[in-house]
Every structure is written in structure tokens, then in C-alpha cells.
Amino acid sequence: MNHFRRRYRRALAVVSSALIGLLGGIILAASPAAAQTSTVTGSCGWDGTAAEWVVTWTVTTDPPAGATAFRWLAVEATPSPVAGIEATPAGEFPHRAGQQLVGEQRLPEGTTSASLTVQAEWDNGQQDAEPSRGELQLPADCSRGDLISQWRLDCDAVTITIQNPTAEPVTVTLVPNAGNPVPVQVAGGEAATVEFPPSPGLSVDVRVGEQSIVDPGDPIAVTAGQVAALECAAEQDGGGGGGLPATGTSALIVAAGALALLALGAGLYLIARRRRIRFTA
């Protein structure tokens, strides 16, 4: 009897395991398989002509094995839609696997943030494991290509000018390669200037947050050759005030002139004595 019970329990365990595995397979087949998530990245800049922010979103997908195309199962963008990245009707898979999609958002100047959330579905029935989201803070995360930094070098200083054509104030930081950073607030529609000593080897970066606005083709960098080309020493010698007393030939000329005047004065004095007229009663 005990032997029969043991065989019965074994058979029951085998059947139960088979039923559980079969049920799991049915559930897995009935639901869409989950794939990796997509990656959403964004960048933004100011369009001075249109007076609005331009946000560019880039979505990179990670196709699962066996998938050749995908569609956007869900797309959510704030505060306005993204041109070029929209939800796709069911049954359509217009985007090829591995295709990188780029969309554009145009936002008014007062906008403080922007976001894009997407979820892909593949032509093999799989979906992204979860929605993917990208978010930007305006203007902190934006490239300030609208700001202009210019500089000039003369014998007195390296003068850096920052122009802000937008209506909003912005804080920039001037970072020299030697010394402390210099924060400067530039009002909307205004310009600000900062001066540094014209030392050979000086270089200065101008940043908004972590973004440099210095033109790579015209870096703010002072070389010894640039300083020498100014001929500052010659200009200073010809200027007034602070120079050394005159020496050499100039001093001799002045001394000779003084002696001549003294001799002339003495001669006139002697002549005057000889020609003195006395009156008698």
C-alpha cells in the first residue's frame, strides 16, 4: 500500500509540474514580450529671429531579436507636440529597426521646461519594457548660441564683451586659466565688458552654466607674440607722466641754455654800470 502511495504522489507531482509549465507558456504567448527601452535625449537653443526656444529631441531604439520595424505605441510631449515624433496608428510599423528619429519642439520665450515620453512596439509583437522619458530645463540646459562673446587686446587690457540679445537676463561666468572665475549678469538686450591684464599666456573661457559660448575659431588666448606686436613699451616711453628724468644729450642742451642766459645777464649788468650818469648840483 505504501509503495502504491509513493508512485501515486510521484505521478501527481509530474502532472502538476507539466500543467504549471503549460499554463506559464500560454500566459507568455498571450501577452506581448517586453524588449529593452528606448533612449530619449534632448538639446535646445534660442532662435533670435523667431524669438522662441527650439528643442531638438533624438530617440534611439534598441530592437529585440527578430524585429524589423516598429511604431510608436505611445507619445506624450509637453508643453506642445514634437514635430516628427507622433504616435502611430495600430497595425502600421513605418520605422525600420535601429532607425534614430529626430523631432523638433518650438516653444515661447517664457517656457521653463520641456519633456518627451515614448514607448515603442515592434512588428514581432514585443514592446518596450517601459516608457522612456527625456526632460530639459529652459534655459539652464540650453546652448546659449544667441549670446555673443567678443574680445580685443591692447596695451592696457584684454577686454571681453558679452552681448545678450534676448529679453531675459543671463548670468555668465568668465573662467581664466589663472585666478578666480568672474560671474557677470548681463541684462536682456544689453552688453557687459570685463577686463583682464594683458599677460602672455592668459586664456579665458566664457560659460553659461557648463556651456561655453566662446567661438572655437577665435579663442580668448593671449600669446607672447601678440603682446610684442603691440609695441607697448615704445608707446609708454612717449606718453606723459611717470617717465624718468631727461638725461644725456637733452640734459646737456638744457644746461648750456641756462649758462648762456646767465652770461647774457652778467654782460647786461656790466654795461649798465659803465653807462651810469651822475647828476651834480
C-alpha atoms as a PDB file:
ATOM      1  CA  MET A   1       0.000   0.000   0.000  1.00  0.00           C
ATOM      2  CA  ASN A   2       2.787   2.428   0.884  1.00  0.00           C
ATOM      3  CA  HIS A   3       4.561   1.619  -2.373  1.00  0.00           C
ATOM      4  CA  PHE A   4       1.396   2.444  -4.299  1.00  0.00           C
ATOM      5  CA  ARG A   5       1.045   5.754  -2.496  1.00  0.00           C
ATOM      6  CA  ARG A   6       4.606   6.751  -3.308  1.00  0.00           C
ATOM      7  CA  ARG A   7       4.095   6.021  -7.017  1.00  0.00           C
ATOM      8  CA  TYR A   8       0.837   7.949  -6.955  1.00  0.00           C
ATOM      9  CA  ARG A   9       2.487  11.021  -5.399  1.00  0.00           C
ATOM     10  CA  ARG A  10       5.300  10.943  -7.956  1.00  0.00           C
ATOM     11  CA  ALA A  11       2.850  10.804 -10.830  1.00  0.00           C
ATOM     12  CA  LEU A  12       0.822  13.628  -9.332  1.00  0.00           C
ATOM     13  CA  ALA A  13       3.936  15.791  -8.973  1.00  0.00           C
ATOM     14  CA  VAL A  14       4.959  15.187 -12.593  1.00  0.00           C
ATOM     15  CA  VAL A  15       1.496  16.055 -13.876  1.00  0.00           C
ATOM     16  CA  SER A  16       1.327  19.205 -11.717  1.00  0.00           C
ATOM     17  CA  SER A  17       4.701  20.427 -12.980  1.00  0.00           C
ATOM     18  CA  ALA A  18       3.651  19.860 -16.554  1.00  0.00           C
ATOM     19  CA  LEU A  19       0.400  21.751 -16.045  1.00  0.00           C
ATOM     20  CA  ILE A  20       2.209  24.697 -14.410  1.00  0.00           C
ATOM     21  CA  GLY A  21       4.721  24.882 -17.269  1.00  0.00           C
ATOM     22  CA  LEU A  22       1.960  24.675 -19.870  1.00  0.00           C
ATOM     23  CA  LEU A  23      -0.037  27.405 -18.123  1.00  0.00           C
ATOM     24  CA  GLY A  24       3.052  29.661 -17.975  1.00  0.00           C
ATOM     25  CA  GLY A  25       3.673  29.160 -21.696  1.00  0.00           C
ATOM     26  CA  ILE A  26       0.066  30.033 -22.501  1.00  0.00           C
ATOM     27  CA  ILE A  27       0.265  33.252 -20.429  1.00  0.00           C
ATOM     28  CA  LEU A  28       3.580  34.213 -22.020  1.00  0.00           C
ATOM     29  CA  ALA A  29       2.266  33.624 -25.531  1.00  0.00           C
ATOM     30  CA  ALA A  30      -0.906  35.583 -24.846  1.00  0.00           C
ATOM     31  CA  SER A  31       0.943  38.727 -23.658  1.00  0.00           C
ATOM     32  CA  PRO A  32       3.384  40.902 -25.661  1.00  0.00           C
ATOM     33  CA  ALA A  33       7.002  40.194 -24.840  1.00  0.00           C
ATOM     34  CA  ALA A  34       8.959  43.049 -23.332  1.00  0.00           C
ATOM     35  CA  ALA A  35      12.009  44.394 -25.101  1.00  0.00           C
ATOM     36  CA  GLN A  36      14.637  46.910 -23.984  1.00  0.00           C
ATOM     37  CA  THR A  37      13.633  50.542 -23.536  1.00  0.00           C
ATOM     38  CA  SER A  38      14.393  53.363 -25.970  1.00  0.00           C
ATOM     39  CA  THR A  39      16.710  56.290 -25.181  1.00  0.00           C
ATOM     40  CA  VAL A  40      15.444  59.884 -25.341  1.00  0.00           C
ATOM     41  CA  THR A  41      17.925  62.779 -25.423  1.00  0.00           C
ATOM     42  CA  GLY A  42      17.274  66.474 -25.992  1.00  0.00           C
ATOM     43  CA  SER A  43      19.083  69.709 -26.736  1.00  0.00           C
ATOM     44  CA  CYS A  44      17.827  73.261 -27.060  1.00  0.00           C
ATOM     45  CA  GLY A  45      18.855  76.681 -28.278  1.00  0.00           C
ATOM     46  CA  TRP A  46      17.455  80.153 -28.859  1.00  0.00           C
ATOM     47  CA  ASP A  47      16.142  81.292 -32.239  1.00  0.00           C
ATOM     48  CA  GLY A  48      16.663  85.036 -32.085  1.00  0.00           C
ATOM     49  CA  THR A  49      14.860  85.658 -35.381  1.00  0.00           C
ATOM     50  CA  ALA A  50      11.663  83.892 -34.297  1.00  0.00           C
ATOM     51  CA  ALA A  51      12.137  84.816 -30.607  1.00  0.00           C
ATOM     52  CA  GLU A  52      11.488  81.276 -29.378  1.00  0.00           C
ATOM     53  CA  TRP A  53      13.233  78.232 -27.964  1.00  0.00           C
ATOM     54  CA  VAL A  54      13.992  75.356 -30.319  1.00  0.00           C
ATOM     55  CA  VAL A  55      14.134  71.942 -28.631  1.00  0.00           C
ATOM     56  CA  THR A  56      15.518  69.012 -30.621  1.00  0.00           C
ATOM     57  CA  TRP A  57      14.636  65.500 -29.411  1.00  0.00           C
ATOM     58  CA  THR A  58      16.519  62.399 -30.542  1.00  0.00           C
ATOM     59  CA  VAL A  59      15.127  58.915 -29.856  1.00  0.00           C
ATOM     60  CA  THR A  60      17.294  55.821 -30.273  1.00  0.00           C
ATOM     61  CA  THR A  61      15.598  52.424 -30.177  1.00  0.00           C
ATOM     62  CA  ASP A  62      17.024  49.042 -29.195  1.00  0.00           C
ATOM     63  CA  PRO A  63      15.315  46.431 -31.386  1.00  0.00           C
ATOM     64  CA  PRO A  64      14.735  42.935 -29.987  1.00  0.00           C
ATOM     65  CA  ALA A  65      15.766  39.810 -31.896  1.00  0.00           C
ATOM     66  CA  GLY A  66      13.548  39.122 -34.872  1.00  0.00           C
ATOM     67  CA  ALA A  67      12.104  42.648 -35.127  1.00  0.00           C
ATOM     68  CA  THR A  68      12.480  44.556 -38.408  1.00  0.00           C
ATOM     69  CA  ALA A  69      10.261  47.612 -37.819  1.00  0.00           C
ATOM     70  CA  PHE A  70       8.467  49.488 -35.063  1.00  0.00           C
ATOM     71  CA  ARG A  71       5.783  52.033 -34.347  1.00  0.00           C
ATOM     72  CA  TRP A  72       5.195  54.497 -31.535  1.00  0.00           C
ATOM     73  CA  LEU A  73       2.670  52.855 -29.265  1.00  0.00           C
ATOM     74  CA  ALA A  74       2.508  55.981 -27.086  1.00  0.00           C
ATOM     75  CA  VAL A  75       3.937  59.506 -27.335  1.00  0.00           C
ATOM     76  CA  GLU A  76       3.493  62.301 -24.781  1.00  0.00           C
ATOM     77  CA  ALA A  77       5.159  65.701 -25.177  1.00  0.00           C
ATOM     78  CA  THR A  78       4.896  68.812 -23.004  1.00  0.00           C
ATOM     79  CA  PRO A  79       4.127  71.639 -23.267  1.00  0.00           C
ATOM     80  CA  SER A  80       3.444  71.104 -27.004  1.00  0.00           C
ATOM     81  CA  PRO A  81       3.704  68.291 -29.604  1.00  0.00           C
ATOM     82  CA  VAL A  82       7.025  67.333 -31.167  1.00  0.00           C
ATOM     83  CA  ALA A  83       7.051  67.566 -34.958  1.00  0.00           C
ATOM     84  CA  GLY A  84       8.429  64.330 -36.377  1.00  0.00           C
ATOM     85  CA  ILE A  85       7.679  62.089 -33.392  1.00  0.00           C
ATOM     86  CA  GLU A  86       3.982  61.201 -33.153  1.00  0.00           C
ATOM     87  CA  ALA A  87       2.005  58.121 -32.079  1.00  0.00           C
ATOM     88  CA  THR A  88       1.443  55.622 -34.940  1.00  0.00           C
ATOM     89  CA  PRO A  89      -1.942  54.040 -35.821  1.00  0.00           C
ATOM     90  CA  ALA A  90      -2.322  50.402 -34.778  1.00  0.00           C
ATOM     91  CA  GLY A  91      -1.150  47.862 -37.327  1.00  0.00           C
ATOM     92  CA  GLU A  92       1.328  50.238 -39.003  1.00  0.00           C
ATOM     93  CA  PHE A  93       5.096  49.898 -38.480  1.00  0.00           C
ATOM     94  CA  PRO A  94       6.614  52.746 -40.512  1.00  0.00           C
ATOM     95  CA  HIS A  95      10.009  52.928 -38.810  1.00  0.00           C
ATOM     96  CA  ARG A  96      12.752  50.402 -39.523  1.00  0.00           C
ATOM     97  CA  ALA A  97      14.570  48.655 -36.689  1.00  0.00           C
ATOM     98  CA  GLY A  98      17.546  50.669 -35.466  1.00  0.00           C
ATOM     99  CA  GLN A  99      16.327  53.897 -37.041  1.00  0.00           C
ATOM    100  CA  GLN A 100      17.096  57.022 -34.997  1.00  0.00           C
ATOM    101  CA  LEU A 101      14.245  59.532 -35.054  1.00  0.00           C
ATOM    102  CA  VAL A 102      14.657  63.290 -34.556  1.00  0.00           C
ATOM    103  CA  GLY A 103      11.823  65.709 -33.743  1.00  0.00           C
ATOM    104  CA  GLU A 104      11.573  69.431 -33.052  1.00  0.00           C
ATOM    105  CA  GLN A 105       9.641  71.435 -30.482  1.00  0.00           C
ATOM    106  CA  ARG A 106       9.278  75.233 -30.741  1.00  0.00           C
ATOM    107  CA  LEU A 107       8.392  76.993 -27.519  1.00  0.00           C
ATOM    108  CA  PRO A 108       7.784  80.627 -26.463  1.00  0.00           C
ATOM    109  CA  GLU A 109      10.482  82.502 -24.548  1.00  0.00           C
ATOM    110  CA  GLY A 110       8.811  82.169 -21.150  1.00  0.00           C
ATOM    111  CA  THR A 111       8.813  78.343 -21.246  1.00  0.00           C
ATOM    112  CA  THR A 112      10.685  76.822 -18.308  1.00  0.00           C
ATOM    113  CA  SER A 113      10.735  73.089 -19.180  1.00  0.00           C
ATOM    114  CA  ALA A 114      10.065  70.574 -21.945  1.00  0.00           C
ATOM    115  CA  SER A 115       9.685  66.794 -21.965  1.00  0.00           C
ATOM    116  CA  LEU A 116       9.095  63.843 -24.291  1.00  0.00           C
ATOM    117  CA  THR A 117       7.923  60.332 -23.326  1.00  0.00           C
ATOM    118  CA  VAL A 118       7.724  57.466 -25.864  1.00  0.00           C
ATOM    119  CA  GLN A 119       7.067  53.726 -25.942  1.00  0.00           C
ATOM    120  CA  ALA A 120       7.793  51.552 -28.986  1.00  0.00           C
ATOM    121  CA  GLU A 121       6.010  48.430 -30.260  1.00  0.00           C
ATOM    122  CA  TRP A 122       7.778  46.069 -32.689  1.00  0.00           C
ATOM    123  CA  ASP A 123       6.479  44.087 -35.621  1.00  0.00           C
ATOM    124  CA  ASN A 124       7.230  40.814 -33.801  1.00  0.00           C
ATOM    125  CA  GLY A 125       4.727  41.662 -31.075  1.00  0.00           C
ATOM    126  CA  GLN A 126       7.200  42.910 -28.487  1.00  0.00           C
ATOM    127  CA  GLN A 127       7.037  46.264 -26.737  1.00  0.00           C
ATOM    128  CA  ASP A 128       9.462  48.455 -24.829  1.00  0.00           C
ATOM    129  CA  ALA A 129       9.622  47.242 -21.229  1.00  0.00           C
ATOM    130  CA  GLU A 130       8.520  50.693 -20.044  1.00  0.00           C
ATOM    131  CA  PRO A 131       8.094  54.208 -21.451  1.00  0.00           C
ATOM    132  CA  SER A 132      11.260  56.260 -21.983  1.00  0.00           C
ATOM    133  CA  ARG A 133      11.371  59.917 -20.938  1.00  0.00           C
ATOM    134  CA  GLY A 134      13.601  62.908 -21.605  1.00  0.00           C
ATOM    135  CA  GLU A 135      13.306  66.303 -19.886  1.00  0.00           C
ATOM    136  CA  LEU A 136      15.031  69.689 -20.231  1.00  0.00           C
ATOM    137  CA  GLN A 137      15.023  72.795 -18.052  1.00  0.00           C
ATOM    138  CA  LEU A 138      14.954  76.057 -20.013  1.00  0.00           C
ATOM    139  CA  PRO A 139      17.252  77.930 -20.281  1.00  0.00           C
ATOM    140  CA  ALA A 140      19.587  76.076 -17.866  1.00  0.00           C
ATOM    141  CA  ASP A 141      20.017  73.030 -20.148  1.00  0.00           C
ATOM    142  CA  CYS A 142      20.122  75.025 -23.373  1.00  0.00           C
ATOM    143  CA  SER A 143      23.011  76.092 -25.534  1.00  0.00           C
ATOM    144  CA  ARG A 144      23.101  79.886 -25.488  1.00  0.00           C
ATOM    145  CA  GLY A 145      24.167  80.323 -29.081  1.00  0.00           C
ATOM    146  CA  ASP A 146      22.353  83.652 -29.003  1.00  0.00           C
ATOM    147  CA  LEU A 147      24.938  85.142 -26.630  1.00  0.00           C
ATOM    148  CA  ILE A 148      27.979  86.635 -28.315  1.00  0.00           C
ATOM    149  CA  SER A 149      31.402  86.944 -26.757  1.00  0.00           C
ATOM    150  CA  GLN A 150      33.983  89.211 -28.398  1.00  0.00           C
ATOM    151  CA  TRP A 151      37.412  90.297 -27.236  1.00  0.00           C
ATOM    152  CA  ARG A 152      40.231  92.660 -28.066  1.00  0.00           C
ATOM    153  CA  LEU A 153      43.781  93.112 -26.860  1.00  0.00           C
ATOM    154  CA  ASP A 154      45.640  96.383 -26.309  1.00  0.00           C
ATOM    155  CA  CYS A 155      48.447  97.635 -24.103  1.00  0.00           C
ATOM    156  CA  ASP A 156      46.084  98.281 -21.195  1.00  0.00           C
ATOM    157  CA  ALA A 157      43.886  95.170 -21.014  1.00  0.00           C
ATOM    158  CA  VAL A 158      42.218  92.155 -22.562  1.00  0.00           C
ATOM    159  CA  THR A 159      38.640  93.430 -22.919  1.00  0.00           C
ATOM    160  CA  ILE A 160      35.872  90.821 -23.233  1.00  0.00           C
ATOM    161  CA  THR A 161      32.363  91.901 -24.271  1.00  0.00           C
ATOM    162  CA  ILE A 162      29.264  89.719 -23.824  1.00  0.00           C
ATOM    163  CA  GLN A 163      26.130  90.707 -25.722  1.00  0.00           C
ATOM    164  CA  ASN A 164      22.689  89.412 -24.724  1.00  0.00           C
ATOM    165  CA  PRO A 165      20.105  89.958 -27.492  1.00  0.00           C
ATOM    166  CA  THR A 166      17.293  88.195 -25.590  1.00  0.00           C
ATOM    167  CA  ALA A 167      14.788  89.871 -23.302  1.00  0.00           C
ATOM    168  CA  GLU A 168      15.818  87.742 -20.316  1.00  0.00           C
ATOM    169  CA  PRO A 169      18.837  88.467 -18.082  1.00  0.00           C
ATOM    170  CA  VAL A 170      21.541  85.824 -18.054  1.00  0.00           C
ATOM    171  CA  THR A 171      24.498  85.139 -15.794  1.00  0.00           C
ATOM    172  CA  VAL A 172      27.763  84.210 -17.457  1.00  0.00           C
ATOM    173  CA  THR A 173      31.000  83.156 -15.799  1.00  0.00           C
ATOM    174  CA  LEU A 174      34.400  84.170 -17.136  1.00  0.00           C
ATOM    175  CA  VAL A 175      36.933  81.492 -16.235  1.00  0.00           C
ATOM    176  CA  PRO A 176      40.611  82.482 -16.654  1.00  0.00           C
ATOM    177  CA  ASN A 177      43.327  79.842 -16.686  1.00  0.00           C
ATOM    178  CA  ALA A 178      44.871  81.609 -13.693  1.00  0.00           C
ATOM    179  CA  GLY A 179      42.840  83.260 -10.949  1.00  0.00           C
ATOM    180  CA  ASN A 180      39.254  83.062  -9.780  1.00  0.00           C
ATOM    181  CA  PRO A 181      36.153  82.815 -12.012  1.00  0.00           C
ATOM    182  CA  VAL A 182      34.298  86.094 -12.534  1.00  0.00           C
ATOM    183  CA  PRO A 183      30.457  85.893 -12.621  1.00  0.00           C
ATOM    184  CA  VAL A 184      28.710  88.651 -14.591  1.00  0.00           C
ATOM    185  CA  GLN A 185      24.987  89.260 -15.078  1.00  0.00           C
ATOM    186  CA  VAL A 186      24.037  90.641 -18.480  1.00  0.00           C
ATOM    187  CA  ALA A 187      20.614  92.262 -18.687  1.00  0.00           C
ATOM    188  CA  GLY A 188      18.288  91.489 -21.571  1.00  0.00           C
ATOM    189  CA  GLY A 189      19.193  93.467 -24.661  1.00  0.00           C
ATOM    190  CA  GLU A 190      22.362  94.772 -23.008  1.00  0.00           C
ATOM    191  CA  ALA A 191      26.107  94.115 -23.108  1.00  0.00           C
ATOM    192  CA  ALA A 192      28.729  93.810 -20.384  1.00  0.00           C
ATOM    193  CA  THR A 193      32.521  94.096 -20.508  1.00  0.00           C
ATOM    194  CA  VAL A 194      35.201  92.580 -18.303  1.00  0.00           C
ATOM    195  CA  GLU A 195      38.909  93.393 -18.411  1.00  0.00           C
ATOM    196  CA  PHE A 196      41.929  91.242 -17.593  1.00  0.00           C
ATOM    197  CA  PRO A 197      45.633  92.214 -17.535  1.00  0.00           C
ATOM    198  CA  PRO A 198      47.198  91.599 -20.970  1.00  0.00           C
ATOM    199  CA  SER A 199      49.562  88.876 -19.781  1.00  0.00           C
ATOM    200  CA  PRO A 200      51.156  86.474 -22.278  1.00  0.00           C
ATOM    201  CA  GLY A 201      49.707  83.001 -21.765  1.00  0.00           C
ATOM    202  CA  LEU A 202      46.334  84.261 -20.497  1.00  0.00           C
ATOM    203  CA  SER A 203      43.259  82.367 -21.721  1.00  0.00           C
ATOM    204  CA  VAL A 204      39.638  82.938 -20.686  1.00  0.00           C
ATOM    205  CA  ASP A 205      36.539  80.794 -21.212  1.00  0.00           C
ATOM    206  CA  VAL A 206      33.053  82.355 -21.084  1.00  0.00           C
ATOM    207  CA  ARG A 207      30.367  79.954 -19.852  1.00  0.00           C
ATOM    208  CA  VAL A 208      26.629  79.840 -19.277  1.00  0.00           C
ATOM    209  CA  GLY A 209      26.321  77.030 -16.768  1.00  0.00           C
ATOM    210  CA  GLU A 210      28.624  74.376 -18.237  1.00  0.00           C
ATOM    211  CA  GLN A 211      28.157  75.601 -21.808  1.00  0.00           C
ATOM    212  CA  SER A 212      30.994  77.618 -23.371  1.00  0.00           C
ATOM    213  CA  ILE A 213      29.962  80.460 -25.681  1.00  0.00           C
ATOM    214  CA  VAL A 214      33.478  81.216 -26.915  1.00  0.00           C
ATOM    215  CA  ASP A 215      33.890  80.807 -30.664  1.00  0.00           C
ATOM    216  CA  PRO A 216      36.282  77.846 -31.158  1.00  0.00           C
ATOM    217  CA  GLY A 217      37.668  79.651 -34.191  1.00  0.00           C
ATOM    218  CA  ASP A 218      38.530  82.727 -32.111  1.00  0.00           C
ATOM    219  CA  PRO A 219      39.584  81.537 -28.639  1.00  0.00           C
ATOM    220  CA  ILE A 220      40.355  84.145 -25.996  1.00  0.00           C
ATOM    221  CA  ALA A 221      44.065  83.386 -25.656  1.00  0.00           C
ATOM    222  CA  VAL A 222      46.946  85.856 -25.444  1.00  0.00           C
ATOM    223  CA  THR A 223      50.333  84.857 -26.813  1.00  0.00           C
ATOM    224  CA  ALA A 224      53.704  86.474 -26.223  1.00  0.00           C
ATOM    225  CA  GLY A 225      53.857  87.322 -29.928  1.00  0.00           C
ATOM    226  CA  GLN A 226      50.562  89.224 -29.755  1.00  0.00           C
ATOM    227  CA  VAL A 227      51.782  91.301 -26.815  1.00  0.00           C
ATOM    228  CA  ALA A 228      55.134  92.012 -28.502  1.00  0.00           C
ATOM    229  CA  ALA A 229      53.352  93.103 -31.691  1.00  0.00           C
ATOM    230  CA  LEU A 230      51.605  95.887 -29.757  1.00  0.00           C
ATOM    231  CA  GLU A 231      54.961  97.639 -29.076  1.00  0.00           C
ATOM    232  CA  CYS A 232      53.557  98.790 -25.764  1.00  0.00           C
ATOM    233  CA  ALA A 233      56.982  99.801 -24.359  1.00  0.00           C
ATOM    234  CA  ALA A 234      57.540 102.349 -27.150  1.00  0.00           C
ATOM    235  CA  GLU A 235      54.088 103.847 -26.623  1.00  0.00           C
ATOM    236  CA  GLN A 236      54.641 104.198 -22.880  1.00  0.00           C
ATOM    237  CA  ASP A 237      58.000 105.970 -23.363  1.00  0.00           C
ATOM    238  CA  GLY A 238      56.318 108.602 -25.494  1.00  0.00           C
ATOM    239  CA  GLY A 239      53.488 109.193 -23.039  1.00  0.00           C
ATOM    240  CA  GLY A 240      53.355 111.865 -20.364  1.00  0.00           C
ATOM    241  CA  GLY A 241      53.784 111.388 -16.653  1.00  0.00           C
ATOM    242  CA  GLY A 242      55.557 108.698 -14.755  1.00  0.00           C
ATOM    243  CA  GLY A 243      58.661 108.758 -17.007  1.00  0.00           C
ATOM    244  CA  LEU A 244      62.289 109.045 -15.905  1.00  0.00           C
ATOM    245  CA  PRO A 245      64.034 112.480 -15.824  1.00  0.00           C
ATOM    246  CA  ALA A 246      65.666 113.554 -19.103  1.00  0.00           C
ATOM    247  CA  THR A 247      69.332 112.517 -19.345  1.00  0.00           C
ATOM    248  CA  GLY A 248      72.182 112.549 -21.859  1.00  0.00           C
ATOM    249  CA  THR A 249      72.002 114.991 -24.771  1.00  0.00           C
ATOM    250  CA  SER A 250      68.724 116.602 -23.696  1.00  0.00           C
ATOM    251  CA  ALA A 251      70.167 117.444 -20.274  1.00  0.00           C
ATOM    252  CA  LEU A 252      73.309 118.984 -21.817  1.00  0.00           C
ATOM    253  CA  ILE A 253      71.243 121.228 -24.072  1.00  0.00           C
ATOM    254  CA  VAL A 254      69.220 122.474 -21.130  1.00  0.00           C
ATOM    255  CA  ALA A 255      72.399 123.156 -19.084  1.00  0.00           C
ATOM    256  CA  ALA A 256      74.085 125.032 -21.962  1.00  0.00           C
ATOM    257  CA  GLY A 257      70.998 127.186 -22.431  1.00  0.00           C
ATOM    258  CA  ALA A 258      70.971 128.063 -18.739  1.00  0.00           C
ATOM    259  CA  LEU A 259      74.664 129.058 -18.807  1.00  0.00           C
ATOM    260  CA  ALA A 260      74.097 131.233 -21.867  1.00  0.00           C
ATOM    261  CA  LEU A 261      71.295 133.063 -20.137  1.00  0.00           C
ATOM    262  CA  LEU A 262      73.467 133.635 -17.082  1.00  0.00           C
ATOM    263  CA  ALA A 263      76.301 135.041 -19.238  1.00  0.00           C
ATOM    264  CA  LEU A 264      73.912 137.339 -21.066  1.00  0.00           C
ATOM    265  CA  GLY A 265      72.541 138.656 -17.800  1.00  0.00           C
ATOM    266  CA  ALA A 266      76.008 139.327 -16.418  1.00  0.00           C
ATOM    267  CA  GLY A 267      77.051 141.240 -19.572  1.00  0.00           C
ATOM    268  CA  LEU A 268      73.980 143.455 -19.477  1.00  0.00           C
ATOM    269  CA  TYR A 269      74.678 144.216 -15.835  1.00  0.00           C
ATOM    270  CA  LEU A 270      78.255 145.366 -16.562  1.00  0.00           C
ATOM    271  CA  ILE A 271      77.189 147.578 -19.471  1.00  0.00           C
ATOM    272  CA  ALA A 272      74.560 149.202 -17.329  1.00  0.00           C
ATOM    273  CA  ARG A 273      77.179 150.102 -14.647  1.00  0.00           C
ATOM    274  CA  ARG A 274      79.585 151.686 -17.155  1.00  0.00           C
ATOM    275  CA  ARG A 275      76.884 153.909 -18.625  1.00  0.00           C
ATOM    276  CA  ARG A 276      75.570 155.128 -15.303  1.00  0.00           C
ATOM    277  CA  ILE A 277      75.062 159.013 -15.328  1.00  0.00           C
ATOM    278  CA  ARG A 278      75.661 161.067 -12.225  1.00  0.00           C
ATOM    279  CA  PHE A 279      73.836 164.413 -11.618  1.00  0.00           C
ATOM    280  CA  THR A 280      75.561 167.142  -9.634  1.00  0.00           C
ATOM    281  CA  ALA A 281      74.166 170.362  -8.183  1.00  0.00           C
END
